[in-house]
Amino acid sequence: MPIDSINLDLASADYFDGRASLWAALEIRSSVSDDSPTAILGFDETFLRPFARALIEAATTRAAFRMTILQETRGSDRFRVVEYVTGLGKALEELVLQPFDNVVLISAATHKAGGNSEESLFQLPRTDSFLRAFARIAYVADRSLRDLLADMERLARRRNSSATA
């Protein structure tokens, strides 16, 4: 599916168990799908900055980049990154960013008992204009998301201190 536009969407923000967290989605729009948004990745607050860095590095160095996604040790039911391309929120362990002449192919790497395999998920343009625009929106979005988390933490501290007073 050709990508006409790409955007980041804040799906949820929550304060639970003494921790502020959020969930965002990387969405594409295409004339093939009547310009309706289609989520391709869902992720928590720790993913956007390293993903943007990996995409820029893979595209500029023309070397494949493997991005391991470490899961939180507190609970196995909370995932850091899921993909929506092949199903409804399949958790990812590792992404492979493989640059080609005009695109960067994003694949999910799986480690099974029989060996390793990769499944293609989507591709992003490798043009200078796209990479500059993606870096800019990723930077602004990451800063906004981190500000939101800080505000949520501050409000929770204030609420807790007023409740105990």
N, C-alpha and C. Protein backbone atom coordinates (compact mmCIF):
# COMPACT_ATOMS: atom_id res chain seq x y z
N MET A 1 0.85 -1.16 0.00
CA MET A 1 0.00 0.00 0.00
C MET A 1 0.90 1.24 0.00
N PRO A 2 0.71 2.15 -0.93
CA PRO A 2 1.52 3.37 -0.94
C PRO A 2 1.15 4.28 0.23
N ILE A 3 2.13 4.97 0.76
CA ILE A 3 1.90 5.86 1.90
C ILE A 3 1.77 7.29 1.37
N ASP A 4 0.59 7.88 1.59
CA ASP A 4 0.39 9.28 1.23
C ASP A 4 0.76 10.20 2.38
N SER A 5 0.50 9.76 3.62
CA SER A 5 0.91 10.53 4.79
C SER A 5 1.10 9.57 5.95
N ILE A 6 1.85 10.04 6.92
CA ILE A 6 2.14 9.24 8.11
C ILE A 6 1.96 10.15 9.31
N ASN A 7 1.40 9.62 10.38
CA ASN A 7 1.26 10.43 11.57
C ASN A 7 1.33 9.57 12.82
N LEU A 8 1.56 10.23 13.93
CA LEU A 8 1.61 9.58 15.22
C LEU A 8 0.36 9.99 15.99
N ASP A 9 -0.30 9.01 16.59
CA ASP A 9 -1.55 9.26 17.30
C ASP A 9 -1.41 8.80 18.74
N LEU A 10 -1.76 9.68 19.68
CA LEU A 10 -1.79 9.29 21.08
C LEU A 10 -3.06 8.49 21.32
N ALA A 11 -2.91 7.21 21.63
CA ALA A 11 -4.07 6.34 21.80
C ALA A 11 -4.59 6.38 23.23
N SER A 12 -3.70 6.41 24.22
CA SER A 12 -4.15 6.48 25.61
C SER A 12 -3.02 6.99 26.50
N ALA A 13 -3.43 7.56 27.61
CA ALA A 13 -2.51 8.00 28.66
C ALA A 13 -3.13 7.58 29.98
N ASP A 14 -2.32 7.01 30.86
CA ASP A 14 -2.86 6.43 32.08
C ASP A 14 -1.86 6.58 33.22
N TYR A 15 -2.39 6.65 34.41
CA TYR A 15 -1.56 6.60 35.62
C TYR A 15 -2.08 5.44 36.44
N PHE A 16 -1.25 4.41 36.57
CA PHE A 16 -1.68 3.20 37.25
C PHE A 16 -0.50 2.62 38.01
N ASP A 17 -0.78 2.14 39.20
CA ASP A 17 0.23 1.45 40.00
C ASP A 17 1.47 2.32 40.22
N GLY A 18 1.24 3.62 40.43
CA GLY A 18 2.34 4.54 40.71
C GLY A 18 3.19 4.90 39.52
N ARG A 19 2.67 4.72 38.32
CA ARG A 19 3.47 4.97 37.11
C ARG A 19 2.60 5.58 36.01
N ALA A 20 3.10 6.66 35.42
CA ALA A 20 2.43 7.25 34.27
C ALA A 20 2.90 6.52 33.02
N SER A 21 1.97 6.23 32.13
CA SER A 21 2.35 5.57 30.89
C SER A 21 1.42 6.04 29.78
N LEU A 22 1.86 5.80 28.57
CA LEU A 22 1.02 6.16 27.43
C LEU A 22 1.21 5.14 26.33
N TRP A 23 0.29 5.17 25.40
CA TRP A 23 0.32 4.28 24.24
C TRP A 23 0.04 5.12 23.01
N ALA A 24 0.88 4.99 22.02
CA ALA A 24 0.73 5.75 20.78
C ALA A 24 0.73 4.78 19.60
N ALA A 25 0.30 5.29 18.46
CA ALA A 25 0.25 4.46 17.26
C ALA A 25 0.89 5.21 16.10
N LEU A 26 1.64 4.49 15.29
CA LEU A 26 2.16 5.01 14.03
C LEU A 26 1.13 4.64 12.98
N GLU A 27 0.54 5.65 12.34
CA GLU A 27 -0.52 5.42 11.38
C GLU A 27 -0.12 5.94 10.00
N ILE A 28 -0.64 5.26 9.00
CA ILE A 28 -0.44 5.72 7.63
C ILE A 28 -1.81 6.01 7.02
N ARG A 29 -1.79 6.87 6.03
CA ARG A 29 -2.99 7.14 5.23
C ARG A 29 -2.60 6.92 3.77
N SER A 30 -3.53 6.32 3.05
CA SER A 30 -3.27 6.02 1.65
C SER A 30 -4.54 6.21 0.85
N SER A 31 -4.37 6.66 -0.38
CA SER A 31 -5.54 6.80 -1.25
C SER A 31 -6.16 5.44 -1.56
N VAL A 32 -5.39 4.38 -1.42
CA VAL A 32 -5.90 3.03 -1.64
C VAL A 32 -6.98 2.69 -0.62
N SER A 33 -6.84 3.22 0.59
CA SER A 33 -7.82 2.93 1.65
C SER A 33 -8.69 4.15 1.94
N ASP A 34 -8.98 4.95 0.93
CA ASP A 34 -9.83 6.14 1.05
C ASP A 34 -9.32 7.13 2.09
N ASP A 35 -8.02 7.22 2.23
CA ASP A 35 -7.37 8.15 3.17
C ASP A 35 -7.78 7.97 4.61
N SER A 36 -8.29 6.80 4.95
CA SER A 36 -8.60 6.54 6.36
C SER A 36 -7.32 6.07 7.05
N PRO A 37 -7.12 6.45 8.32
CA PRO A 37 -5.89 6.07 9.00
C PRO A 37 -5.83 4.56 9.26
N THR A 38 -4.66 4.00 9.07
CA THR A 38 -4.42 2.59 9.33
C THR A 38 -3.22 2.48 10.26
N ALA A 39 -3.44 1.98 11.46
CA ALA A 39 -2.35 1.82 12.42
C ALA A 39 -1.46 0.66 11.98
N ILE A 40 -0.14 0.89 12.01
CA ILE A 40 0.78 -0.18 11.65
C ILE A 40 1.61 -0.63 12.84
N LEU A 41 1.89 0.28 13.77
CA LEU A 41 2.61 -0.06 14.99
C LEU A 41 1.93 0.63 16.17
N GLY A 42 1.89 -0.05 17.29
CA GLY A 42 1.48 0.55 18.55
C GLY A 42 2.65 0.44 19.51
N PHE A 43 2.87 1.45 20.34
CA PHE A 43 4.06 1.44 21.19
C PHE A 43 3.87 2.30 22.43
N ASP A 44 4.72 2.02 23.43
CA ASP A 44 4.69 2.82 24.65
C ASP A 44 5.69 3.97 24.53
N GLU A 45 5.85 4.69 25.62
CA GLU A 45 6.65 5.91 25.61
C GLU A 45 8.14 5.70 25.38
N THR A 46 8.63 4.47 25.48
CA THR A 46 10.07 4.22 25.34
C THR A 46 10.50 3.92 23.91
N PHE A 47 9.58 3.81 22.97
CA PHE A 47 9.91 3.29 21.65
C PHE A 47 10.25 4.33 20.59
N LEU A 48 9.59 5.45 20.59
CA LEU A 48 9.66 6.38 19.46
C LEU A 48 11.08 6.90 19.20
N ARG A 49 11.77 7.34 20.22
CA ARG A 49 13.12 7.91 20.04
C ARG A 49 14.09 6.88 19.46
N PRO A 50 14.21 5.65 20.03
CA PRO A 50 15.13 4.68 19.42
C PRO A 50 14.71 4.24 18.02
N PHE A 51 13.40 4.16 17.75
CA PHE A 51 12.96 3.78 16.42
C PHE A 51 13.34 4.83 15.39
N ALA A 52 13.11 6.10 15.71
CA ALA A 52 13.49 7.18 14.78
C ALA A 52 15.00 7.16 14.53
N ARG A 53 15.77 6.97 15.59
CA ARG A 53 17.23 6.90 15.44
C ARG A 53 17.64 5.72 14.57
N ALA A 54 17.01 4.56 14.77
CA ALA A 54 17.33 3.37 13.98
C ALA A 54 16.97 3.57 12.51
N LEU A 55 15.82 4.18 12.25
CA LEU A 55 15.40 4.44 10.87
C LEU A 55 16.38 5.36 10.16
N ILE A 56 16.76 6.44 10.81
CA ILE A 56 17.70 7.39 10.20
C ILE A 56 19.06 6.73 10.00
N GLU A 57 19.52 5.96 10.99
CA GLU A 57 20.82 5.30 10.86
C GLU A 57 20.82 4.28 9.74
N ALA A 58 19.78 3.47 9.66
CA ALA A 58 19.72 2.46 8.59
C ALA A 58 19.66 3.12 7.22
N ALA A 59 18.88 4.18 7.10
CA ALA A 59 18.72 4.85 5.81
C ALA A 59 20.00 5.56 5.37
N THR A 60 20.69 6.17 6.30
CA THR A 60 21.87 6.96 5.92
C THR A 60 23.13 6.11 5.75
N THR A 61 23.27 5.05 6.54
CA THR A 61 24.47 4.22 6.43
C THR A 61 24.30 3.09 5.42
N ARG A 62 23.04 2.85 4.99
CA ARG A 62 22.73 1.77 4.08
C ARG A 62 23.09 0.40 4.65
N ALA A 63 23.07 0.31 5.98
CA ALA A 63 23.35 -0.96 6.66
C ALA A 63 22.10 -1.37 7.44
N ALA A 64 21.83 -2.67 7.44
CA ALA A 64 20.67 -3.17 8.18
C ALA A 64 20.85 -2.89 9.66
N PHE A 65 19.74 -2.65 10.32
CA PHE A 65 19.77 -2.33 11.74
C PHE A 65 18.77 -3.23 12.45
N ARG A 66 19.25 -3.93 13.48
CA ARG A 66 18.37 -4.79 14.29
C ARG A 66 18.06 -4.06 15.58
N MET A 67 16.79 -3.98 15.90
CA MET A 67 16.34 -3.25 17.08
C MET A 67 15.62 -4.23 18.01
N THR A 68 16.28 -4.61 19.10
CA THR A 68 15.69 -5.51 20.07
C THR A 68 14.75 -4.73 20.97
N ILE A 69 13.59 -5.30 21.24
CA ILE A 69 12.58 -4.64 22.07
C ILE A 69 12.51 -5.41 23.38
N LEU A 70 13.04 -4.81 24.43
CA LEU A 70 13.05 -5.45 25.73
C LEU A 70 11.71 -5.26 26.40
N GLN A 71 11.19 -6.34 26.95
CA GLN A 71 9.91 -6.28 27.65
C GLN A 71 10.15 -5.92 29.11
N GLU A 72 9.15 -5.34 29.71
CA GLU A 72 9.21 -4.95 31.10
C GLU A 72 9.22 -6.20 31.96
N THR A 73 10.00 -6.20 33.03
CA THR A 73 10.09 -7.38 33.88
C THR A 73 8.95 -7.47 34.89
N ARG A 74 8.26 -6.33 35.13
CA ARG A 74 7.20 -6.34 36.15
C ARG A 74 6.01 -7.20 35.76
N GLY A 75 5.65 -7.20 34.53
CA GLY A 75 4.46 -7.95 34.12
C GLY A 75 4.58 -8.39 32.69
N SER A 76 4.28 -9.65 32.44
CA SER A 76 4.44 -10.16 31.09
C SER A 76 3.26 -9.80 30.19
N ASP A 77 2.18 -9.25 30.78
CA ASP A 77 1.01 -8.92 29.97
C ASP A 77 1.08 -7.52 29.37
N ARG A 78 2.12 -6.77 29.67
CA ARG A 78 2.28 -5.42 29.14
C ARG A 78 3.38 -5.44 28.09
N PHE A 79 3.03 -5.11 26.85
CA PHE A 79 4.00 -5.14 25.77
C PHE A 79 4.46 -3.72 25.46
N ARG A 80 5.66 -3.59 24.95
CA ARG A 80 6.21 -2.28 24.60
C ARG A 80 5.86 -1.89 23.17
N VAL A 81 5.84 -2.87 22.26
CA VAL A 81 5.57 -2.60 20.84
C VAL A 81 4.74 -3.74 20.28
N VAL A 82 3.70 -3.38 19.53
CA VAL A 82 2.90 -4.39 18.82
C VAL A 82 2.74 -3.93 17.38
N GLU A 83 2.54 -4.89 16.50
CA GLU A 83 2.28 -4.55 15.09
C GLU A 83 0.85 -4.91 14.76
N TYR A 84 0.24 -4.08 13.92
CA TYR A 84 -1.15 -4.28 13.52
C TYR A 84 -1.26 -4.70 12.05
N VAL A 85 -0.14 -4.98 11.40
CA VAL A 85 -0.16 -5.31 9.97
C VAL A 85 -0.68 -6.73 9.74
N THR A 86 -0.17 -7.69 10.50
CA THR A 86 -0.55 -9.08 10.27
C THR A 86 -1.67 -9.57 11.17
N GLY A 87 -2.05 -8.78 12.15
CA GLY A 87 -3.10 -9.21 13.06
C GLY A 87 -3.45 -8.12 14.04
N LEU A 88 -4.17 -8.49 15.05
CA LEU A 88 -4.61 -7.52 16.05
C LEU A 88 -3.61 -7.45 17.19
N GLY A 89 -2.64 -6.60 17.07
CA GLY A 89 -1.72 -6.34 18.16
C GLY A 89 -0.78 -7.45 18.53
N LYS A 90 -0.05 -7.96 17.57
CA LYS A 90 0.94 -9.01 17.82
C LYS A 90 2.20 -8.38 18.42
N ALA A 91 2.61 -8.84 19.60
CA ALA A 91 3.78 -8.28 20.28
C ALA A 91 5.06 -8.57 19.48
N LEU A 92 5.96 -7.59 19.49
CA LEU A 92 7.22 -7.72 18.76
C LEU A 92 8.39 -7.87 19.72
N GLU A 93 9.34 -8.71 19.33
CA GLU A 93 10.56 -8.90 20.10
C GLU A 93 11.73 -8.16 19.47
N GLU A 94 11.72 -8.07 18.14
CA GLU A 94 12.83 -7.44 17.44
C GLU A 94 12.35 -6.93 16.08
N LEU A 95 12.82 -5.75 15.72
CA LEU A 95 12.55 -5.19 14.40
C LEU A 95 13.85 -5.19 13.61
N VAL A 96 13.73 -5.43 12.32
CA VAL A 96 14.88 -5.34 11.42
C VAL A 96 14.56 -4.25 10.40
N LEU A 97 15.44 -3.27 10.30
CA LEU A 97 15.29 -2.18 9.35
C LEU A 97 16.33 -2.38 8.26
N GLN A 98 15.88 -2.75 7.07
CA GLN A 98 16.76 -3.07 5.95
C GLN A 98 16.62 -2.01 4.86
N PRO A 99 17.67 -1.22 4.63
CA PRO A 99 17.58 -0.19 3.59
C PRO A 99 17.78 -0.76 2.19
N PHE A 100 17.01 -0.25 1.26
CA PHE A 100 17.15 -0.54 -0.16
C PHE A 100 17.32 0.79 -0.88
N ASP A 101 17.33 0.80 -2.20
CA ASP A 101 17.56 2.04 -2.93
C ASP A 101 16.57 3.14 -2.58
N ASN A 102 15.28 2.83 -2.58
CA ASN A 102 14.27 3.86 -2.38
C ASN A 102 13.46 3.73 -1.10
N VAL A 103 13.58 2.62 -0.40
CA VAL A 103 12.77 2.38 0.79
C VAL A 103 13.62 1.75 1.89
N VAL A 104 13.07 1.79 3.11
CA VAL A 104 13.61 1.02 4.23
C VAL A 104 12.52 0.02 4.59
N LEU A 105 12.84 -1.26 4.49
CA LEU A 105 11.89 -2.33 4.80
C LEU A 105 11.94 -2.60 6.29
N ILE A 106 10.76 -2.58 6.93
CA ILE A 106 10.66 -2.86 8.35
C ILE A 106 10.07 -4.25 8.49
N SER A 107 10.81 -5.14 9.17
CA SER A 107 10.38 -6.53 9.35
C SER A 107 10.39 -6.88 10.83
N ALA A 108 9.57 -7.87 11.17
CA ALA A 108 9.55 -8.41 12.53
C ALA A 108 10.40 -9.67 12.55
N ALA A 109 11.34 -9.73 13.46
CA ALA A 109 12.17 -10.93 13.60
C ALA A 109 11.60 -11.77 14.73
N THR A 110 11.47 -13.05 14.48
CA THR A 110 10.99 -13.98 15.50
C THR A 110 12.05 -15.04 15.74
N HIS A 111 12.17 -15.44 16.97
CA HIS A 111 13.15 -16.45 17.36
C HIS A 111 12.38 -17.67 17.85
N LYS A 112 12.34 -18.67 17.02
CA LYS A 112 11.66 -19.91 17.38
C LYS A 112 12.70 -21.00 17.58
N ALA A 113 12.27 -22.11 18.12
CA ALA A 113 13.20 -23.22 18.41
C ALA A 113 13.95 -23.68 17.17
N GLY A 114 13.31 -23.60 16.02
CA GLY A 114 13.93 -24.07 14.79
C GLY A 114 14.86 -23.05 14.14
N GLY A 115 14.95 -21.84 14.66
CA GLY A 115 15.81 -20.82 14.08
C GLY A 115 15.14 -19.46 14.06
N ASN A 116 15.71 -18.57 13.30
CA ASN A 116 15.20 -17.20 13.21
C ASN A 116 14.46 -17.02 11.90
N SER A 117 13.42 -16.19 11.95
CA SER A 117 12.72 -15.84 10.72
C SER A 117 12.31 -14.39 10.79
N GLU A 118 12.08 -13.81 9.61
CA GLU A 118 11.65 -12.42 9.53
C GLU A 118 10.39 -12.34 8.68
N GLU A 119 9.49 -11.48 9.12
CA GLU A 119 8.24 -11.26 8.40
C GLU A 119 8.14 -9.78 8.05
N SER A 120 8.02 -9.47 6.77
CA SER A 120 7.92 -8.07 6.33
C SER A 120 6.63 -7.46 6.85
N LEU A 121 6.75 -6.25 7.39
CA LEU A 121 5.59 -5.55 7.92
C LEU A 121 5.17 -4.39 7.02
N PHE A 122 6.12 -3.48 6.75
CA PHE A 122 5.83 -2.31 5.92
C PHE A 122 7.15 -1.71 5.47
N GLN A 123 7.07 -0.75 4.58
CA GLN A 123 8.27 -0.05 4.14
C GLN A 123 8.02 1.45 4.18
N LEU A 124 9.07 2.18 4.48
CA LEU A 124 9.02 3.63 4.54
C LEU A 124 9.95 4.20 3.48
N PRO A 125 9.61 5.35 2.93
CA PRO A 125 10.47 5.96 1.91
C PRO A 125 11.85 6.26 2.47
N ARG A 126 12.85 6.21 1.62
CA ARG A 126 14.23 6.49 2.02
C ARG A 126 14.71 7.83 1.45
N THR A 127 13.79 8.70 1.13
CA THR A 127 14.16 9.99 0.56
C THR A 127 14.59 10.96 1.66
N ASP A 128 15.42 11.92 1.29
CA ASP A 128 15.86 12.92 2.25
C ASP A 128 14.69 13.70 2.84
N SER A 129 13.74 14.06 1.99
CA SER A 129 12.61 14.86 2.48
C SER A 129 11.77 14.06 3.49
N PHE A 130 11.55 12.77 3.23
CA PHE A 130 10.79 11.96 4.18
C PHE A 130 11.54 11.81 5.49
N LEU A 131 12.84 11.51 5.40
CA LEU A 131 13.62 11.29 6.62
C LEU A 131 13.69 12.56 7.47
N ARG A 132 13.84 13.73 6.82
CA ARG A 132 13.83 14.99 7.57
C ARG A 132 12.48 15.22 8.23
N ALA A 133 11.41 14.98 7.50
CA ALA A 133 10.06 15.18 8.05
C ALA A 133 9.80 14.19 9.18
N PHE A 134 10.20 12.94 9.00
CA PHE A 134 9.97 11.94 10.05
C PHE A 134 10.78 12.27 11.30
N ALA A 135 12.03 12.67 11.11
CA ALA A 135 12.85 13.05 12.27
C ALA A 135 12.22 14.23 13.00
N ARG A 136 11.70 15.19 12.26
CA ARG A 136 11.08 16.37 12.88
C ARG A 136 9.82 15.98 13.67
N ILE A 137 8.92 15.18 13.06
CA ILE A 137 7.70 14.82 13.79
C ILE A 137 8.01 13.89 14.96
N ALA A 138 9.00 13.02 14.81
CA ALA A 138 9.37 12.14 15.91
C ALA A 138 9.93 12.94 17.08
N TYR A 139 10.76 13.95 16.78
CA TYR A 139 11.32 14.79 17.84
C TYR A 139 10.23 15.57 18.56
N VAL A 140 9.35 16.20 17.82
CA VAL A 140 8.27 16.99 18.42
C VAL A 140 7.33 16.08 19.21
N ALA A 141 6.97 14.93 18.64
CA ALA A 141 6.07 14.00 19.32
C ALA A 141 6.72 13.45 20.58
N ASP A 142 7.99 13.06 20.51
CA ASP A 142 8.67 12.51 21.68
C ASP A 142 8.73 13.55 22.79
N ARG A 143 9.05 14.78 22.46
CA ARG A 143 9.09 15.85 23.46
C ARG A 143 7.71 16.07 24.07
N SER A 144 6.68 16.07 23.24
CA SER A 144 5.31 16.25 23.74
C SER A 144 4.88 15.09 24.63
N LEU A 145 5.21 13.88 24.23
CA LEU A 145 4.85 12.72 25.03
C LEU A 145 5.57 12.74 26.38
N ARG A 146 6.83 13.09 26.38
CA ARG A 146 7.58 13.16 27.64
C ARG A 146 7.05 14.28 28.54
N ASP A 147 6.66 15.41 27.95
CA ASP A 147 6.04 16.49 28.72
C ASP A 147 4.72 16.02 29.33
N LEU A 148 3.94 15.28 28.55
CA LEU A 148 2.67 14.75 29.05
C LEU A 148 2.91 13.81 30.23
N LEU A 149 3.90 12.92 30.11
CA LEU A 149 4.21 12.01 31.21
C LEU A 149 4.63 12.78 32.46
N ALA A 150 5.46 13.80 32.28
CA ALA A 150 5.90 14.61 33.42
C ALA A 150 4.71 15.32 34.07
N ASP A 151 3.80 15.85 33.28
CA ASP A 151 2.60 16.50 33.81
C ASP A 151 1.73 15.49 34.58
N MET A 152 1.60 14.29 34.03
CA MET A 152 0.80 13.27 34.70
C MET A 152 1.43 12.89 36.05
N GLU A 153 2.75 12.75 36.07
CA GLU A 153 3.46 12.43 37.32
C GLU A 153 3.28 13.55 38.33
N ARG A 154 3.40 14.79 37.88
CA ARG A 154 3.25 15.95 38.76
C ARG A 154 1.85 16.01 39.34
N LEU A 155 0.84 15.81 38.51
CA LEU A 155 -0.55 15.83 38.99
C LEU A 155 -0.81 14.69 39.98
N ALA A 156 -0.25 13.52 39.72
CA ALA A 156 -0.43 12.39 40.64
C ALA A 156 0.23 12.68 41.98
N ARG A 157 1.42 13.27 41.97
CA ARG A 157 2.10 13.63 43.23
C ARG A 157 1.28 14.66 43.99
N ARG A 158 0.76 15.65 43.27
CA ARG A 158 -0.04 16.68 43.91
C ARG A 158 -1.31 16.08 44.51
N ARG A 159 -1.96 15.19 43.77
CA ARG A 159 -3.18 14.55 44.26
C ARG A 159 -2.89 13.68 45.48
N ASN A 160 -1.78 12.95 45.42
CA ASN A 160 -1.41 12.10 46.56
C ASN A 160 -1.07 12.92 47.79
N SER A 161 -0.37 14.03 47.61
CA SER A 161 0.00 14.86 48.76
C SER A 161 -1.24 15.54 49.35
N SER A 162 -2.20 15.93 48.52
CA SER A 162 -3.42 16.56 49.05
C SER A 162 -4.33 15.53 49.71
N ALA A 163 -4.26 14.28 49.26
CA ALA A 163 -5.08 13.22 49.86
C ALA A 163 -4.55 12.83 51.24
N THR A 164 -3.23 12.89 51.40
CA THR A 164 -2.63 12.51 52.69
C THR A 164 -2.66 13.67 53.68
N ALA A 165 -2.87 14.89 53.21
CA ALA A 165 -2.87 16.06 54.11
C ALA A 165 -4.18 16.26 54.81
